[in-house]
């Protein structure tokens, strides 16, 4: 992942942790994330839950 995107991901995760949207986990399960550009120039943090939902 490019450094600029990595920093944006870290910023998003830090903000969601601070706001109580997500919490730390020691789970062996994880889902891949991606950043999707929005029309207004901002970025949307997306999580792909398809594989974990298939279980």
N, C-alpha and C. Protein backbone atom coordinates (compact mmCIF):
# COMPACT_ATOMS: atom_id res chain seq x y z
N UNK A 1 0.85 -1.17 0.00
CA UNK A 1 0.00 0.00 0.00
C UNK A 1 0.90 1.23 0.00
N UNK A 2 0.61 2.22 -0.85
CA UNK A 2 1.42 3.44 -0.89
C UNK A 2 1.39 4.17 0.46
N UNK A 3 2.47 4.82 0.77
CA UNK A 3 2.62 5.51 2.06
C UNK A 3 1.48 6.49 2.32
N UNK A 4 1.08 7.24 1.31
CA UNK A 4 0.01 8.22 1.48
C UNK A 4 -1.30 7.54 1.87
N UNK A 5 -1.63 6.42 1.21
CA UNK A 5 -2.85 5.69 1.56
C UNK A 5 -2.73 5.05 2.94
N UNK A 6 -1.54 4.55 3.26
CA UNK A 6 -1.34 3.92 4.57
C UNK A 6 -1.59 4.94 5.69
N UNK A 7 -1.11 6.16 5.51
CA UNK A 7 -1.33 7.20 6.51
C UNK A 7 -2.81 7.53 6.63
N UNK A 8 -3.52 7.57 5.50
CA UNK A 8 -4.95 7.84 5.52
C UNK A 8 -5.70 6.73 6.26
N UNK A 9 -5.31 5.47 6.04
CA UNK A 9 -5.93 4.34 6.75
C UNK A 9 -5.68 4.49 8.25
N UNK A 10 -4.45 4.77 8.64
CA UNK A 10 -4.12 4.94 10.06
C UNK A 10 -4.94 6.08 10.67
N UNK A 11 -5.09 7.18 9.93
CA UNK A 11 -5.89 8.31 10.42
C UNK A 11 -7.35 7.90 10.60
N UNK A 12 -7.90 7.17 9.63
CA UNK A 12 -9.30 6.72 9.72
C UNK A 12 -9.50 5.79 10.91
N UNK A 13 -8.59 4.84 11.08
CA UNK A 13 -8.70 3.89 12.19
C UNK A 13 -8.59 4.61 13.53
N UNK A 14 -7.65 5.53 13.65
CA UNK A 14 -7.49 6.30 14.89
C UNK A 14 -8.76 7.08 15.21
N UNK A 15 -9.35 7.70 14.19
CA UNK A 15 -10.57 8.47 14.39
C UNK A 15 -11.73 7.56 14.81
N UNK A 16 -11.87 6.40 14.17
CA UNK A 16 -12.96 5.48 14.53
C UNK A 16 -12.77 4.90 15.93
N UNK A 17 -11.52 4.63 16.33
CA UNK A 17 -11.25 4.17 17.69
C UNK A 17 -11.64 5.25 18.70
N UNK A 18 -11.23 6.49 18.41
CA UNK A 18 -11.52 7.61 19.30
C UNK A 18 -13.02 7.83 19.46
N UNK A 19 -13.76 7.67 18.36
CA UNK A 19 -15.20 7.91 18.37
C UNK A 19 -16.01 6.71 18.85
N UNK A 20 -15.34 5.59 19.18
CA UNK A 20 -16.03 4.41 19.68
C UNK A 20 -16.75 3.61 18.60
N UNK A 21 -16.42 3.85 17.35
CA UNK A 21 -17.05 3.13 16.24
C UNK A 21 -16.47 1.72 16.13
N UNK A 22 -15.18 1.60 16.38
CA UNK A 22 -14.50 0.30 16.38
C UNK A 22 -13.76 0.15 17.70
N UNK A 23 -13.32 -1.06 17.99
CA UNK A 23 -12.53 -1.30 19.20
C UNK A 23 -11.42 -2.29 18.87
N UNK A 24 -10.36 -2.27 19.65
CA UNK A 24 -9.25 -3.21 19.42
C UNK A 24 -9.73 -4.65 19.57
N UNK A 25 -9.12 -5.55 18.82
CA UNK A 25 -9.49 -6.96 18.87
C UNK A 25 -8.26 -7.84 18.71
N UNK A 26 -8.28 -8.98 19.38
CA UNK A 26 -7.22 -9.97 19.26
C UNK A 26 -7.69 -11.16 18.42
N UNK A 27 -8.77 -10.99 17.69
CA UNK A 27 -9.34 -12.07 16.90
C UNK A 27 -8.38 -12.55 15.81
N UNK A 28 -8.46 -13.83 15.53
CA UNK A 28 -7.67 -14.40 14.43
C UNK A 28 -8.29 -14.06 13.08
N UNK A 29 -9.51 -13.56 13.08
CA UNK A 29 -10.22 -13.22 11.85
C UNK A 29 -10.02 -11.75 11.52
N UNK A 30 -9.94 -11.45 10.25
CA UNK A 30 -9.82 -10.07 9.79
C UNK A 30 -10.44 -9.95 8.41
N UNK A 31 -10.80 -8.75 8.03
CA UNK A 31 -11.36 -8.50 6.71
C UNK A 31 -10.52 -7.43 6.02
N UNK A 32 -10.31 -7.58 4.72
CA UNK A 32 -9.50 -6.60 4.00
C UNK A 32 -10.21 -5.24 3.89
N UNK A 33 -9.43 -4.19 3.87
CA UNK A 33 -9.97 -2.85 3.71
C UNK A 33 -9.43 -2.22 2.44
N UNK A 34 -10.12 -1.20 2.00
CA UNK A 34 -9.65 -0.42 0.86
C UNK A 34 -10.16 1.01 1.03
N UNK A 35 -9.53 1.93 0.35
CA UNK A 35 -9.98 3.31 0.34
C UNK A 35 -10.59 3.60 -1.02
N UNK A 36 -11.81 4.12 -1.02
CA UNK A 36 -12.49 4.44 -2.27
C UNK A 36 -12.63 5.95 -2.39
N UNK A 37 -12.17 6.52 -3.50
CA UNK A 37 -12.31 7.97 -3.68
C UNK A 37 -13.77 8.35 -3.91
N UNK A 38 -14.17 9.45 -3.29
CA UNK A 38 -15.52 9.97 -3.47
C UNK A 38 -15.49 11.15 -4.44
N UNK A 39 -16.63 11.49 -5.00
CA UNK A 39 -16.71 12.58 -5.99
C UNK A 39 -16.24 13.91 -5.43
N UNK A 40 -16.43 14.13 -4.12
CA UNK A 40 -16.03 15.42 -3.54
C UNK A 40 -14.54 15.48 -3.19
N UNK A 41 -13.79 14.44 -3.53
CA UNK A 41 -12.35 14.44 -3.29
C UNK A 41 -11.93 13.80 -1.98
N UNK A 42 -12.89 13.50 -1.10
CA UNK A 42 -12.57 12.82 0.15
C UNK A 42 -12.46 11.33 -0.11
N UNK A 43 -12.16 10.60 0.95
CA UNK A 43 -11.94 9.16 0.82
C UNK A 43 -12.93 8.40 1.69
N UNK A 44 -13.45 7.30 1.18
CA UNK A 44 -14.34 6.43 1.95
C UNK A 44 -13.56 5.19 2.37
N UNK A 45 -13.60 4.86 3.65
CA UNK A 45 -12.96 3.68 4.23
C UNK A 45 -13.94 2.52 4.06
N UNK A 46 -13.54 1.49 3.32
CA UNK A 46 -14.43 0.37 3.02
C UNK A 46 -13.84 -0.94 3.55
N UNK A 47 -14.71 -1.80 4.07
CA UNK A 47 -14.30 -3.11 4.56
C UNK A 47 -15.04 -4.17 3.75
N UNK A 48 -14.32 -5.17 3.28
CA UNK A 48 -14.90 -6.25 2.47
C UNK A 48 -15.20 -7.45 3.37
N UNK A 49 -16.46 -7.60 3.75
CA UNK A 49 -16.88 -8.66 4.67
C UNK A 49 -17.37 -9.91 3.95
N UNK A 50 -17.22 -10.00 2.63
CA UNK A 50 -17.79 -11.13 1.89
C UNK A 50 -17.27 -12.48 2.37
N UNK A 51 -15.98 -12.63 2.59
CA UNK A 51 -15.44 -13.93 3.00
C UNK A 51 -15.89 -14.32 4.40
N UNK A 52 -15.89 -13.37 5.33
CA UNK A 52 -16.30 -13.69 6.70
C UNK A 52 -17.81 -13.95 6.76
N UNK A 53 -18.59 -13.29 5.92
CA UNK A 53 -20.03 -13.53 5.87
C UNK A 53 -20.36 -14.88 5.25
N UNK A 54 -19.46 -15.43 4.47
CA UNK A 54 -19.70 -16.72 3.82
C UNK A 54 -19.55 -17.89 4.78
N UNK A 55 -19.03 -17.64 5.95
CA UNK A 55 -18.81 -18.72 6.93
C UNK A 55 -20.12 -19.12 7.58
